[in-house]
């Protein structure tokens, strides 16, 4: 589109206030003028009458649009200016209409991703990964069980207190090997019928090794381990052994799982986050 340098009268026409415009528009217009002047974009300088251009293309308009970011009010102000130009210059490229759209909240709520929670979450995962490399014979029984519970939650996908409780109720001797794949059925009441349904769980290699190694420890603790406070005590014992400060220790199994789940959410596509437990466990009726 061939154009010439704008004179003062044309510039005033382009930037003049419209009839009955709201009070906030003059300030917005001045902001757009400032951006057009300091951005260094040729079209911005031309709209202010400060330079000449041999032609104005759609690409020139898009270049100035890019300087306005996602501010829909500024972009629509630019749209109205290009519309005035088109009335005088047929075929002059128009800026695009910007519509403010409210999008649904992200499945991962950014409000919970505070720097402190992210630090604690990452710390738990680091301690878990380091614990899997250490000599388990140097651990006390409760420390080994704490490592097992964290591994079962993060590595095995048992991100639920009821599932962890079901895990400690099942003897390692009940592990079945089907076509070389280890399988363990966790007693869980899914539809309110106690012992009527089970979760078919396929433990990951690290959790499986821990489960076999901790079998004697779990037998000795027996009924005590079925209490949530005992399971939490074991987790805190393992974390304390790994030099996690007291203020960073989880105060409940729910908090522990929330922090571990945060690490899983940061690593999995969102479509999988809500179904991570279902992907690692299959529901079967007896």
Protein backbone atom coordinates (compact mmCIF):
# COMPACT_ATOMS: atom_id res chain seq x y z
CA UNK A 1 0.00 0.00 0.00
CA UNK A 2 1.72 3.18 -1.23
CA UNK A 3 1.62 6.03 1.31
CA UNK A 4 3.36 9.35 1.90
CA UNK A 5 4.48 11.19 4.99
CA UNK A 6 1.56 12.41 7.11
CA UNK A 7 1.23 16.13 7.70
CA UNK A 8 0.19 17.70 11.01
CA UNK A 9 -3.48 17.89 10.06
CA UNK A 10 -3.58 14.20 9.14
CA UNK A 11 -1.83 13.21 12.38
CA UNK A 12 -4.32 15.23 14.41
CA UNK A 13 -7.19 13.54 12.57
CA UNK A 14 -5.81 10.06 13.29
CA UNK A 15 -5.30 10.69 16.99
CA UNK A 16 -8.34 12.86 17.65
CA UNK A 17 -10.86 11.84 20.29
CA UNK A 18 -14.06 10.27 19.12
CA UNK A 19 -17.58 11.47 19.90
CA UNK A 20 -18.82 10.66 23.39
CA UNK A 21 -15.78 8.53 24.20
CA UNK A 22 -15.29 7.39 27.84
CA UNK A 23 -12.96 9.20 30.23
CA UNK A 24 -10.29 6.48 30.17
CA UNK A 25 -9.65 6.65 26.42
CA UNK A 26 -7.51 9.85 26.29
CA UNK A 27 -5.02 8.32 28.73
CA UNK A 28 -4.98 5.10 26.69
CA UNK A 29 -4.37 7.08 23.50
CA UNK A 30 -1.38 8.82 25.09
CA UNK A 31 0.05 5.45 26.14
CA UNK A 32 -0.26 4.20 22.57
CA UNK A 33 1.46 7.33 21.28
CA UNK A 34 4.33 6.80 23.71
CA UNK A 35 4.77 3.18 22.67
CA UNK A 36 4.64 4.14 18.99
CA UNK A 37 7.33 6.78 19.58
CA UNK A 38 9.81 4.81 21.72
CA UNK A 39 9.39 1.39 20.09
CA UNK A 40 11.40 2.34 17.02
CA UNK A 41 8.91 0.55 14.77
CA UNK A 42 8.66 2.38 11.40
CA UNK A 43 4.85 2.35 11.36
CA UNK A 44 4.74 3.88 14.83
CA UNK A 45 6.97 6.75 13.71
CA UNK A 46 4.91 7.21 10.55
CA UNK A 47 1.63 7.40 12.48
CA UNK A 48 3.11 10.30 14.43
CA UNK A 49 4.22 12.08 11.24
CA UNK A 50 7.91 11.69 12.07
CA UNK A 51 8.99 9.72 9.01
CA UNK A 52 7.91 8.73 5.55
CA UNK A 53 7.26 5.24 4.25
CA UNK A 54 7.18 4.03 0.68
CA UNK A 55 4.50 1.50 1.60
CA UNK A 56 2.65 0.03 4.59
CA UNK A 57 2.09 -3.71 4.63
CA UNK A 58 0.30 -6.08 6.97
CA UNK A 59 3.72 -7.05 8.37
CA UNK A 60 4.31 -3.43 9.44
CA UNK A 61 1.00 -3.42 11.32
CA UNK A 62 1.77 -6.75 12.99
CA UNK A 63 5.17 -5.43 14.05
CA UNK A 64 3.54 -2.55 15.91
CA UNK A 65 0.89 -4.89 17.35
CA UNK A 66 3.68 -7.00 18.83
CA UNK A 67 4.88 -3.97 20.83
CA UNK A 68 1.47 -3.83 22.56
CA UNK A 69 1.66 -7.39 23.89
CA UNK A 70 -1.62 -8.83 25.15
CA UNK A 71 -3.15 -5.50 26.19
CA UNK A 72 -6.44 -5.76 24.33
CA UNK A 73 -7.42 -2.13 25.02
CA UNK A 74 -4.26 -0.75 23.38
CA UNK A 75 -4.56 -3.13 20.45
CA UNK A 76 -8.17 -2.11 19.85
CA UNK A 77 -7.09 1.54 19.98
CA UNK A 78 -4.61 0.75 17.21
CA UNK A 79 -7.43 -0.98 15.34
CA UNK A 80 -9.55 2.17 15.45
CA UNK A 81 -6.65 4.26 14.11
CA UNK A 82 -6.05 1.92 11.18
CA UNK A 83 -9.80 2.01 10.48
CA UNK A 84 -9.61 5.82 10.18
CA UNK A 85 -6.73 5.41 7.77
CA UNK A 86 -8.69 2.96 5.64
CA UNK A 87 -11.47 5.55 5.23
CA UNK A 88 -8.89 7.82 3.59
CA UNK A 89 -6.69 5.15 1.96
CA UNK A 90 -8.76 2.23 0.59
CA UNK A 91 -7.17 -1.13 1.31
CA UNK A 92 -4.98 0.15 4.16
CA UNK A 93 -4.10 -2.93 6.35
CA UNK A 94 -6.10 -3.09 9.55
CA UNK A 95 -4.86 -4.05 12.99
CA UNK A 96 -6.57 -7.13 14.38
CA UNK A 97 -9.44 -6.95 16.84
CA UNK A 98 -8.35 -8.02 20.32
CA UNK A 99 -10.92 -9.71 22.57
CA UNK A 100 -10.34 -10.19 26.28
CA UNK A 101 -11.15 -13.82 27.07
CA UNK A 102 -11.29 -15.28 30.56
CA UNK A 103 -9.75 -18.72 30.45
CA UNK A 104 -10.47 -21.48 32.96
CA UNK A 105 -7.96 -21.92 35.72
CA UNK A 106 -4.95 -24.09 34.99
CA UNK A 107 -5.39 -27.67 36.27
CA UNK A 108 -2.25 -27.06 38.29
CA UNK A 109 -3.19 -24.25 40.62
CA UNK A 110 -0.30 -21.75 40.58
CA UNK A 111 -1.40 -20.50 44.01
CA UNK A 112 -0.01 -23.65 45.63
CA UNK A 113 3.30 -23.32 43.82
CA UNK A 114 4.94 -21.01 46.30
CA UNK A 115 8.73 -20.88 46.43
CA UNK A 116 8.68 -22.51 49.87
CA UNK A 117 6.45 -25.42 48.83
CA UNK A 118 8.47 -25.99 45.68
CA UNK A 119 11.66 -26.08 47.73
CA UNK A 120 10.23 -28.61 50.19
CA UNK A 121 8.74 -30.69 47.40
CA UNK A 122 12.04 -30.87 45.54
CA UNK A 123 13.86 -31.62 48.80
CA UNK A 124 11.62 -34.65 49.45
CA UNK A 125 12.31 -36.04 46.00
CA UNK A 126 16.06 -35.50 46.37
CA UNK A 127 16.09 -37.28 49.72
CA UNK A 128 14.05 -40.16 48.30
CA UNK A 129 16.42 -40.56 45.34
CA UNK A 130 19.47 -40.42 47.60
CA UNK A 131 17.96 -42.91 50.05
CA UNK A 132 17.50 -45.48 47.29
CA UNK A 133 21.26 -45.42 46.70
CA UNK A 134 22.31 -45.94 50.33
CA UNK A 135 23.10 -49.15 52.22
CA UNK A 136 19.77 -50.14 53.80
CA UNK A 137 21.54 -52.23 56.46
CA UNK A 138 22.66 -48.97 58.05
CA UNK A 139 19.03 -47.89 58.46
CA UNK A 140 16.86 -48.49 61.50
CA UNK A 141 13.68 -50.51 60.75
CA UNK A 142 11.38 -47.48 60.91
CA UNK A 143 13.69 -45.56 58.59
CA UNK A 144 13.58 -48.35 56.02
CA UNK A 145 9.79 -48.45 56.19
CA UNK A 146 9.64 -44.67 55.80
CA UNK A 147 11.72 -44.96 52.63
CA UNK A 148 9.42 -47.75 51.42
CA UNK A 149 6.29 -45.64 51.91
CA UNK A 150 7.75 -42.66 50.06
CA UNK A 151 8.95 -44.88 47.21
CA UNK A 152 5.55 -46.58 46.97
CA UNK A 153 3.84 -43.17 46.82
CA UNK A 154 6.06 -41.48 44.25
CA UNK A 155 7.56 -44.38 42.30
CA UNK A 156 4.66 -46.79 42.66
CA UNK A 157 1.86 -44.27 42.25
CA UNK A 158 0.11 -44.96 45.56
CA UNK A 159 -0.80 -41.32 46.09
CA UNK A 160 -3.54 -42.04 48.59
CA UNK A 161 -3.44 -42.75 52.33
CA UNK A 162 -5.87 -45.66 52.01
CA UNK A 163 -3.64 -47.26 49.38
CA UNK A 164 -0.54 -46.89 51.55
CA UNK A 165 -2.45 -48.43 54.47
CA UNK A 166 -3.48 -51.31 52.24
CA UNK A 167 0.14 -51.82 51.20
CA UNK A 168 1.40 -52.38 54.75
CA UNK A 169 -1.39 -54.91 55.35
CA UNK A 170 -0.24 -57.19 52.54
CA UNK A 171 2.59 -59.65 53.15
CA UNK A 172 5.36 -59.63 50.49
CA UNK A 173 4.77 -63.39 50.09
CA UNK A 174 1.55 -62.52 48.29
CA UNK A 175 3.44 -61.01 45.37
CA UNK A 176 2.54 -62.96 42.25
CA UNK A 177 4.74 -63.14 39.18
CA UNK A 178 2.71 -63.30 36.00
CA UNK A 179 4.74 -63.57 32.80
CA UNK A 180 7.69 -62.14 34.69
CA UNK A 181 5.73 -59.11 35.95
CA UNK A 182 5.25 -58.68 39.73
CA UNK A 183 1.68 -58.11 40.83
CA UNK A 184 0.19 -57.41 44.24
CA UNK A 185 -3.50 -57.10 45.09
CA UNK A 186 -4.22 -54.41 47.64
CA UNK A 187 -7.38 -54.91 49.73
CA UNK A 188 -9.46 -51.77 49.26
CA UNK A 189 -13.16 -51.21 49.64
CA UNK A 190 -14.08 -49.36 46.46
CA UNK A 191 -17.85 -49.61 46.56
CA UNK A 192 -18.40 -49.99 50.27
CA UNK A 193 -18.01 -53.77 50.25
CA UNK A 194 -15.13 -54.65 52.53
CA UNK A 195 -12.72 -57.17 51.01
CA UNK A 196 -14.96 -57.49 47.98
CA UNK A 197 -12.63 -55.66 45.64
CA UNK A 198 -8.91 -55.23 45.23
CA UNK A 199 -6.52 -52.99 43.42
CA UNK A 200 -4.16 -54.86 41.20
CA UNK A 201 -0.88 -53.04 41.76
CA UNK A 202 2.32 -53.43 39.76
CA UNK A 203 5.17 -52.08 41.92
CA UNK A 204 8.12 -50.36 40.32
CA UNK A 205 11.52 -52.11 40.71
CA UNK A 206 12.79 -49.86 43.52
CA UNK A 207 9.62 -50.21 45.59
CA UNK A 208 9.51 -53.95 44.96
CA UNK A 209 13.09 -54.35 46.23
CA UNK A 210 12.26 -52.27 49.32
CA UNK A 211 9.09 -54.25 49.96
CA UNK A 212 11.01 -57.52 50.01
CA UNK A 213 13.83 -56.03 52.08
CA UNK A 214 11.41 -54.57 54.66
CA UNK A 215 9.27 -57.70 55.06
CA UNK A 216 10.77 -58.60 58.45
CA UNK A 217 10.55 -55.00 59.64
CA UNK A 218 6.88 -54.86 58.72
CA UNK A 219 6.11 -58.14 60.51
CA UNK A 220 7.71 -56.88 63.70
CA UNK A 221 5.71 -53.66 63.68
CA UNK A 222 2.56 -55.55 62.62
CA UNK A 223 -0.63 -53.80 63.79
CA UNK A 224 1.17 -50.61 64.83
CA UNK A 225 2.10 -49.91 61.23
CA UNK A 226 -1.56 -49.82 60.21
CA UNK A 227 -2.02 -46.61 62.17
CA UNK A 228 -1.43 -43.41 60.22
CA UNK A 229 0.58 -41.85 63.03
CA UNK A 230 3.00 -44.80 62.96
CA UNK A 231 3.43 -44.56 59.19
CA UNK A 232 4.06 -40.82 59.50
CA UNK A 233 6.57 -41.47 62.28
CA UNK A 234 8.47 -43.83 59.98
CA UNK A 235 8.55 -41.26 57.18
CA UNK A 236 9.77 -38.56 59.54
CA UNK A 237 12.42 -40.92 60.89
CA UNK A 238 13.76 -41.55 57.39
CA UNK A 239 13.72 -37.86 56.50
CA UNK A 240 15.34 -36.92 59.80
CA UNK A 241 18.11 -39.42 59.12
CA UNK A 242 18.71 -37.64 55.83
CA UNK A 243 19.26 -34.33 57.64
CA UNK A 244 15.90 -32.77 56.73
CA UNK A 245 15.27 -30.04 59.28
CA UNK A 246 12.39 -30.39 61.73
CA UNK A 247 10.52 -27.44 60.23
CA UNK A 248 10.59 -29.14 56.81
CA UNK A 249 9.27 -32.49 58.02
CA UNK A 250 5.69 -33.23 56.87
CA UNK A 251 3.13 -32.88 59.63
CA UNK A 252 0.79 -35.48 58.10
CA UNK A 253 0.67 -38.11 55.38
CA UNK A 254 -1.66 -35.80 53.45
CA UNK A 255 0.99 -33.07 53.38
CA UNK A 256 3.63 -35.61 52.36
CA UNK A 257 1.52 -36.83 49.44
CA UNK A 258 0.66 -33.27 48.39
CA UNK A 259 4.35 -32.35 48.19
CA UNK A 260 5.26 -35.51 46.28
CA UNK A 261 2.27 -35.04 43.98
CA UNK A 262 3.58 -31.58 43.15
CA UNK A 263 6.76 -33.12 41.74
CA UNK A 264 4.69 -35.55 39.71
CA UNK A 265 2.56 -32.71 38.35
CA UNK A 266 5.66 -30.86 37.22
CA UNK A 267 6.85 -33.86 35.23
CA UNK A 268 3.72 -35.33 33.67
CA UNK A 269 1.48 -33.90 30.92
CA UNK A 270 -1.67 -32.46 32.48
CA UNK A 271 -3.93 -35.07 30.94
CA UNK A 272 -2.08 -37.70 32.96
CA UNK A 273 -1.81 -35.87 36.29
CA UNK A 274 -5.39 -36.54 37.38
CA UNK A 275 -5.15 -40.17 36.36
CA UNK A 276 -1.68 -41.10 37.55
CA UNK A 277 -3.02 -43.51 40.15
CA UNK A 278 -5.33 -45.19 37.66
CA UNK A 279 -2.40 -45.60 35.28
CA UNK A 280 -0.35 -47.42 37.88
CA UNK A 281 -3.14 -49.50 39.39
CA UNK A 282 -5.92 -51.53 37.75
CA UNK A 283 -9.21 -52.14 39.48
CA UNK A 284 -10.37 -55.76 39.55
CA UNK A 285 -13.23 -57.49 41.33
CA UNK A 286 -12.52 -60.77 43.08
